[in-house]
Amino acid sequence: MIDERNNGAAAWFGTNCAHPLEFADALADQGAWRNRLRYIRPNAVRMEKVALCKLGHLENGDPVELGQQMGEVALQLPNVDIMGGCCGTDERHLGEIAANVNRLRNFGAN
């Protein structure tokens, strides 16, 4: 829809504030849009947005699990080269994401 309205003017896209499990189903679509997805900034936990906002504090989830999930996402989306964190993430999450992405992209899934 964005491309239809803007004649394909967007060079790339990103996703923010969504846990990998929230967008996993969308990755089954093998459309050309995948080549233009460049950044992902996931939340630390999979939780409905309204419920997450109502907590009154940040949930930090499991940094190791998030790192593994983002490593798998990186294998599916090789053009994504900007990864960070959003709600609830900290240096532990970012370290796990970096370690898993580097390991899987450099050495394959084995």
N, C-alpha and C. Protein backbone atom coordinates (compact mmCIF):
# COMPACT_ATOMS: atom_id res chain seq x y z
N MET A 1 0.81 -1.18 0.00
CA MET A 1 0.00 0.00 0.00
C MET A 1 0.87 1.26 0.00
N ILE A 2 1.94 1.26 0.76
CA ILE A 2 2.83 2.43 0.78
C ILE A 2 3.41 2.66 -0.61
N ASP A 3 3.86 1.60 -1.24
CA ASP A 3 4.43 1.74 -2.58
C ASP A 3 3.39 2.24 -3.58
N GLU A 4 2.17 1.77 -3.47
CA GLU A 4 1.12 2.20 -4.39
C GLU A 4 0.85 3.69 -4.26
N ARG A 5 0.90 4.20 -3.05
CA ARG A 5 0.62 5.62 -2.81
C ARG A 5 1.81 6.52 -3.14
N ASN A 6 3.00 5.96 -3.06
CA ASN A 6 4.21 6.78 -3.22
C ASN A 6 5.08 6.34 -4.39
N ASN A 7 4.53 5.59 -5.31
CA ASN A 7 5.27 5.13 -6.49
C ASN A 7 6.57 4.43 -6.13
N GLY A 8 6.56 3.64 -5.07
CA GLY A 8 7.74 2.88 -4.68
C GLY A 8 8.89 3.74 -4.18
N ALA A 9 8.58 4.92 -3.63
CA ALA A 9 9.61 5.88 -3.25
C ALA A 9 10.43 5.46 -2.04
N ALA A 10 9.90 4.61 -1.18
CA ALA A 10 10.65 4.21 0.01
C ALA A 10 11.79 3.27 -0.38
N ALA A 11 13.01 3.64 -0.01
CA ALA A 11 14.16 2.81 -0.33
C ALA A 11 14.22 1.56 0.55
N TRP A 12 13.79 1.71 1.79
CA TRP A 12 13.80 0.58 2.70
C TRP A 12 12.82 0.82 3.84
N PHE A 13 12.56 -0.25 4.58
CA PHE A 13 11.61 -0.20 5.69
C PHE A 13 12.25 -0.80 6.92
N GLY A 14 11.62 -0.57 8.05
CA GLY A 14 12.05 -1.18 9.29
C GLY A 14 10.84 -1.48 10.16
N THR A 15 11.09 -2.27 11.18
CA THR A 15 10.04 -2.56 12.15
C THR A 15 10.57 -2.25 13.54
N ASN A 16 9.69 -1.71 14.35
CA ASN A 16 10.07 -1.27 15.68
C ASN A 16 8.98 -1.68 16.66
N CYS A 17 9.38 -1.97 17.87
CA CYS A 17 8.43 -2.20 18.96
C CYS A 17 7.58 -3.45 18.72
N ALA A 18 8.19 -4.50 18.17
CA ALA A 18 7.49 -5.76 17.96
C ALA A 18 8.45 -6.92 18.25
N HIS A 19 8.00 -7.85 19.04
CA HIS A 19 8.78 -9.04 19.36
C HIS A 19 8.83 -9.94 18.12
N PRO A 20 9.92 -10.67 17.88
CA PRO A 20 10.02 -11.53 16.70
C PRO A 20 8.85 -12.50 16.51
N LEU A 21 8.30 -13.00 17.59
CA LEU A 21 7.18 -13.92 17.45
C LEU A 21 5.92 -13.22 16.94
N GLU A 22 5.86 -11.90 17.12
CA GLU A 22 4.70 -11.15 16.63
C GLU A 22 4.69 -11.02 15.12
N PHE A 23 5.88 -10.98 14.51
CA PHE A 23 5.92 -10.81 13.05
C PHE A 23 6.40 -12.06 12.32
N ALA A 24 6.57 -13.15 13.03
CA ALA A 24 7.07 -14.39 12.42
C ALA A 24 6.19 -14.87 11.27
N ASP A 25 4.89 -14.80 11.43
CA ASP A 25 3.98 -15.26 10.37
C ASP A 25 4.15 -14.45 9.10
N ALA A 26 4.42 -13.18 9.22
CA ALA A 26 4.59 -12.32 8.04
C ALA A 26 5.81 -12.73 7.22
N LEU A 27 6.79 -13.36 7.86
CA LEU A 27 8.01 -13.75 7.15
C LEU A 27 7.77 -14.90 6.17
N ALA A 28 6.63 -15.56 6.29
CA ALA A 28 6.30 -16.62 5.34
C ALA A 28 6.02 -16.04 3.95
N ASP A 29 5.63 -14.79 3.89
CA ASP A 29 5.39 -14.11 2.62
C ASP A 29 6.74 -13.84 1.97
N GLN A 30 6.99 -14.45 0.84
CA GLN A 30 8.29 -14.33 0.17
C GLN A 30 8.33 -13.16 -0.82
N GLY A 31 7.47 -12.17 -0.61
CA GLY A 31 7.40 -11.03 -1.51
C GLY A 31 8.68 -10.21 -1.57
N ALA A 32 8.74 -9.36 -2.56
CA ALA A 32 9.92 -8.50 -2.78
C ALA A 32 10.13 -7.52 -1.63
N TRP A 33 9.09 -7.25 -0.85
CA TRP A 33 9.22 -6.33 0.28
C TRP A 33 10.33 -6.78 1.22
N ARG A 34 10.57 -8.08 1.31
CA ARG A 34 11.60 -8.60 2.22
C ARG A 34 12.98 -8.05 1.90
N ASN A 35 13.22 -7.79 0.63
CA ASN A 35 14.53 -7.26 0.22
C ASN A 35 14.73 -5.83 0.67
N ARG A 36 13.65 -5.14 1.01
CA ARG A 36 13.75 -3.74 1.42
C ARG A 36 13.59 -3.56 2.93
N LEU A 37 13.44 -4.66 3.65
CA LEU A 37 13.39 -4.57 5.10
C LEU A 37 14.83 -4.48 5.59
N ARG A 38 15.15 -3.39 6.26
CA ARG A 38 16.55 -3.14 6.60
C ARG A 38 16.82 -3.12 8.10
N TYR A 39 15.85 -2.71 8.91
CA TYR A 39 16.13 -2.70 10.35
C TYR A 39 14.99 -3.30 11.15
N ILE A 40 15.38 -3.88 12.30
CA ILE A 40 14.43 -4.47 13.23
C ILE A 40 14.87 -4.10 14.64
N ARG A 41 13.94 -3.53 15.39
CA ARG A 41 14.18 -3.20 16.80
C ARG A 41 13.08 -3.87 17.62
N PRO A 42 13.35 -5.06 18.15
CA PRO A 42 12.31 -5.82 18.84
C PRO A 42 12.11 -5.40 20.30
N ASN A 43 10.91 -5.67 20.79
CA ASN A 43 10.66 -5.59 22.22
C ASN A 43 11.30 -6.80 22.88
N ALA A 44 11.55 -6.68 24.18
CA ALA A 44 12.16 -7.79 24.92
C ALA A 44 11.19 -8.94 25.16
N VAL A 45 9.90 -8.65 25.21
CA VAL A 45 8.90 -9.69 25.49
C VAL A 45 7.78 -9.63 24.47
N ARG A 46 7.20 -10.79 24.23
CA ARG A 46 6.01 -10.84 23.38
C ARG A 46 4.81 -10.56 24.27
N MET A 47 4.26 -9.39 24.08
CA MET A 47 3.11 -9.01 24.88
C MET A 47 2.29 -8.01 24.08
N GLU A 48 1.00 -8.11 24.17
CA GLU A 48 0.11 -7.19 23.47
C GLU A 48 0.45 -5.76 23.90
N LYS A 49 0.49 -4.85 22.94
CA LYS A 49 0.99 -3.50 23.20
C LYS A 49 0.24 -2.76 24.31
N VAL A 50 -1.07 -2.82 24.31
CA VAL A 50 -1.84 -2.11 25.33
C VAL A 50 -1.52 -2.67 26.71
N ALA A 51 -1.45 -3.99 26.82
CA ALA A 51 -1.12 -4.62 28.10
C ALA A 51 0.29 -4.24 28.54
N LEU A 52 1.21 -4.20 27.60
CA LEU A 52 2.58 -3.82 27.93
C LEU A 52 2.65 -2.39 28.46
N CYS A 53 1.92 -1.50 27.83
CA CYS A 53 1.91 -0.10 28.26
C CYS A 53 1.25 0.07 29.62
N LYS A 54 0.28 -0.76 29.95
CA LYS A 54 -0.44 -0.64 31.22
C LYS A 54 0.35 -1.19 32.41
N LEU A 55 1.42 -1.92 32.15
CA LEU A 55 2.19 -2.50 33.25
C LEU A 55 2.77 -1.44 34.18
N GLY A 56 3.18 -0.34 33.61
CA GLY A 56 3.80 0.71 34.42
C GLY A 56 5.29 0.48 34.65
N HIS A 57 5.84 -0.57 34.06
CA HIS A 57 7.27 -0.85 34.12
C HIS A 57 7.65 -1.65 32.88
N LEU A 58 8.93 -1.75 32.62
CA LEU A 58 9.40 -2.52 31.47
C LEU A 58 9.66 -3.96 31.88
N GLU A 59 9.31 -4.88 31.04
CA GLU A 59 9.61 -6.29 31.22
C GLU A 59 10.85 -6.60 30.40
N ASN A 60 11.81 -7.31 30.98
CA ASN A 60 13.04 -7.57 30.24
C ASN A 60 13.11 -8.94 29.60
N GLY A 61 12.13 -9.79 29.82
CA GLY A 61 12.09 -11.08 29.14
C GLY A 61 13.36 -11.89 29.33
N ASP A 62 13.69 -12.67 28.33
CA ASP A 62 14.84 -13.57 28.36
C ASP A 62 15.82 -13.14 27.27
N PRO A 63 16.91 -12.47 27.63
CA PRO A 63 17.86 -11.99 26.63
C PRO A 63 18.42 -13.10 25.73
N VAL A 64 18.69 -14.28 26.29
CA VAL A 64 19.24 -15.38 25.50
C VAL A 64 18.21 -15.83 24.46
N GLU A 65 16.97 -15.98 24.87
CA GLU A 65 15.92 -16.41 23.95
C GLU A 65 15.72 -15.37 22.84
N LEU A 66 15.68 -14.10 23.20
CA LEU A 66 15.51 -13.05 22.20
C LEU A 66 16.67 -13.06 21.22
N GLY A 67 17.89 -13.25 21.72
CA GLY A 67 19.06 -13.32 20.84
C GLY A 67 18.94 -14.47 19.85
N GLN A 68 18.48 -15.61 20.31
CA GLN A 68 18.29 -16.76 19.43
C GLN A 68 17.21 -16.48 18.38
N GLN A 69 16.12 -15.89 18.80
CA GLN A 69 15.04 -15.58 17.88
C GLN A 69 15.49 -14.59 16.81
N MET A 70 16.23 -13.58 17.22
CA MET A 70 16.70 -12.59 16.26
C MET A 70 17.76 -13.18 15.33
N GLY A 71 18.53 -14.14 15.81
CA GLY A 71 19.47 -14.83 14.94
C GLY A 71 18.74 -15.55 13.82
N GLU A 72 17.64 -16.21 14.16
CA GLU A 72 16.83 -16.90 13.16
C GLU A 72 16.22 -15.91 12.18
N VAL A 73 15.77 -14.78 12.68
CA VAL A 73 15.22 -13.74 11.80
C VAL A 73 16.30 -13.27 10.83
N ALA A 74 17.51 -13.10 11.34
CA ALA A 74 18.62 -12.63 10.49
C ALA A 74 18.91 -13.60 9.35
N LEU A 75 18.75 -14.90 9.61
CA LEU A 75 18.95 -15.88 8.55
C LEU A 75 17.88 -15.76 7.47
N GLN A 76 16.66 -15.45 7.88
CA GLN A 76 15.55 -15.33 6.94
C GLN A 76 15.58 -14.02 6.17
N LEU A 77 16.20 -13.00 6.76
CA LEU A 77 16.20 -11.66 6.17
C LEU A 77 17.64 -11.15 6.04
N PRO A 78 18.38 -11.62 5.07
CA PRO A 78 19.79 -11.26 4.97
C PRO A 78 20.06 -9.78 4.71
N ASN A 79 19.08 -9.03 4.22
CA ASN A 79 19.29 -7.60 3.98
C ASN A 79 19.15 -6.75 5.23
N VAL A 80 18.62 -7.33 6.30
CA VAL A 80 18.52 -6.59 7.55
C VAL A 80 19.93 -6.45 8.12
N ASP A 81 20.38 -5.21 8.22
CA ASP A 81 21.73 -4.99 8.74
C ASP A 81 21.75 -4.00 9.91
N ILE A 82 20.58 -3.59 10.35
CA ILE A 82 20.47 -2.72 11.53
C ILE A 82 19.55 -3.41 12.51
N MET A 83 20.11 -3.82 13.64
CA MET A 83 19.32 -4.47 14.68
C MET A 83 19.61 -3.79 15.98
N GLY A 84 18.57 -3.56 16.72
CA GLY A 84 18.72 -2.90 18.01
C GLY A 84 17.70 -3.47 18.96
N GLY A 85 17.22 -2.62 19.82
CA GLY A 85 16.22 -3.05 20.77
C GLY A 85 15.23 -1.95 21.05
N CYS A 86 14.09 -2.36 21.55
CA CYS A 86 13.04 -1.41 21.91
C CYS A 86 12.66 -1.73 23.36
N CYS A 87 11.40 -1.63 23.66
CA CYS A 87 10.91 -1.73 25.03
C CYS A 87 11.45 -2.94 25.80
N GLY A 88 12.12 -2.67 26.91
CA GLY A 88 12.61 -3.71 27.79
C GLY A 88 13.98 -4.26 27.47
N THR A 89 14.55 -3.88 26.33
CA THR A 89 15.87 -4.40 25.99
C THR A 89 16.97 -3.56 26.63
N ASP A 90 18.09 -4.20 26.86
CA ASP A 90 19.27 -3.51 27.38
C ASP A 90 20.52 -4.15 26.77
N GLU A 91 21.67 -3.87 27.35
CA GLU A 91 22.92 -4.36 26.77
C GLU A 91 23.00 -5.89 26.73
N ARG A 92 22.32 -6.56 27.64
CA ARG A 92 22.32 -8.04 27.61
C ARG A 92 21.63 -8.54 26.35
N HIS A 93 20.48 -7.95 26.04
CA HIS A 93 19.74 -8.35 24.84
C HIS A 93 20.55 -8.05 23.58
N LEU A 94 21.11 -6.86 23.53
CA LEU A 94 21.87 -6.46 22.35
C LEU A 94 23.09 -7.36 22.17
N GLY A 95 23.75 -7.73 23.26
CA GLY A 95 24.88 -8.64 23.18
C GLY A 95 24.49 -10.00 22.64
N GLU A 96 23.36 -10.52 23.10
CA GLU A 96 22.87 -11.81 22.63
C GLU A 96 22.44 -11.75 21.17
N ILE A 97 21.78 -10.66 20.79
CA ILE A 97 21.37 -10.50 19.39
C ILE A 97 22.61 -10.48 18.51
N ALA A 98 23.60 -9.66 18.87
CA ALA A 98 24.82 -9.55 18.06
C ALA A 98 25.54 -10.90 17.97
N ALA A 99 25.67 -11.59 19.08
CA ALA A 99 26.38 -12.87 19.07
C ALA A 99 25.68 -13.89 18.19
N ASN A 100 24.37 -13.97 18.28
CA ASN A 100 23.62 -14.95 17.49
C ASN A 100 23.59 -14.60 16.01
N VAL A 101 23.39 -13.34 15.71
CA VAL A 101 23.37 -12.92 14.30
C VAL A 101 24.74 -13.19 13.68
N ASN A 102 25.79 -12.79 14.35
CA ASN A 102 27.14 -13.01 13.82
C ASN A 102 27.44 -14.50 13.64
N ARG A 103 27.10 -15.30 14.63
CA ARG A 103 27.37 -16.74 14.56
C ARG A 103 26.61 -17.38 13.41
N LEU A 104 25.33 -17.09 13.31
CA LEU A 104 24.51 -17.74 12.28
C LEU A 104 24.80 -17.22 10.88
N ARG A 105 25.05 -15.95 10.74
CA ARG A 105 25.33 -15.43 9.41
C ARG A 105 26.73 -15.80 8.95
N ASN A 106 27.66 -15.89 9.85
CA ASN A 106 29.04 -16.19 9.46
C ASN A 106 29.32 -17.68 9.32
N PHE A 107 28.57 -18.49 10.04
CA PHE A 107 28.86 -19.91 10.04
C PHE A 107 27.68 -20.78 9.64
N GLY A 108 26.57 -20.18 9.26
CA GLY A 108 25.39 -20.95 8.90
C GLY A 108 24.66 -21.42 10.12
N ALA A 109 23.58 -22.10 9.92
CA ALA A 109 22.72 -22.53 11.01
C ALA A 109 23.24 -23.76 11.74
N ASN A 110 24.36 -24.32 11.33
CA ASN A 110 24.88 -25.53 11.97
C ASN A 110 25.61 -25.22 13.24
